[in-house]
């Protein structure tokens, strides 16, 4: 599982002109699911994301987690995070999970996140989405459940 974590002052997702998810201060999480991912990977990535100390404390130091700072999270599925560009010019998505299994794991991730994060918003799985954000900092972190990053 791969995740791009962006600290934002606000973010929203629209599908066909309708807002499907929107948050104020918090994290925009782009989530890619591989064909080998399990619920253990989802739990690991979620724990890492919500406990990353990327929010400022009273002294202006990044010492607070999403939970500590009482912020929201917007989760957007992003299979292109598994695009392999080592050969040729067209990315290969062979490592990305097929839509049916990816959807189940994405929904599991969102369900578990909803137990810990409020507000929690999402995009729409397998839809063409417009994602708008104001990256705060900017702060952007890349996570991988294989722990290679």
Foldseek 3Di string as FASTA:
>chain_A
DKKKKFFFQKKWKDFPRHTQWIFGTDIEIEDFAFQPDDLVLLVVVLVCQQAQQQDQDPVGDSGGGRLRVQGEYEYEYDLCVQFDCPDDHGTDSNGGHPQVVVVVSVVSSQVVVVVRHPPYTYYDRPGDMDMDTGGPVGDIDMDDSVRPD
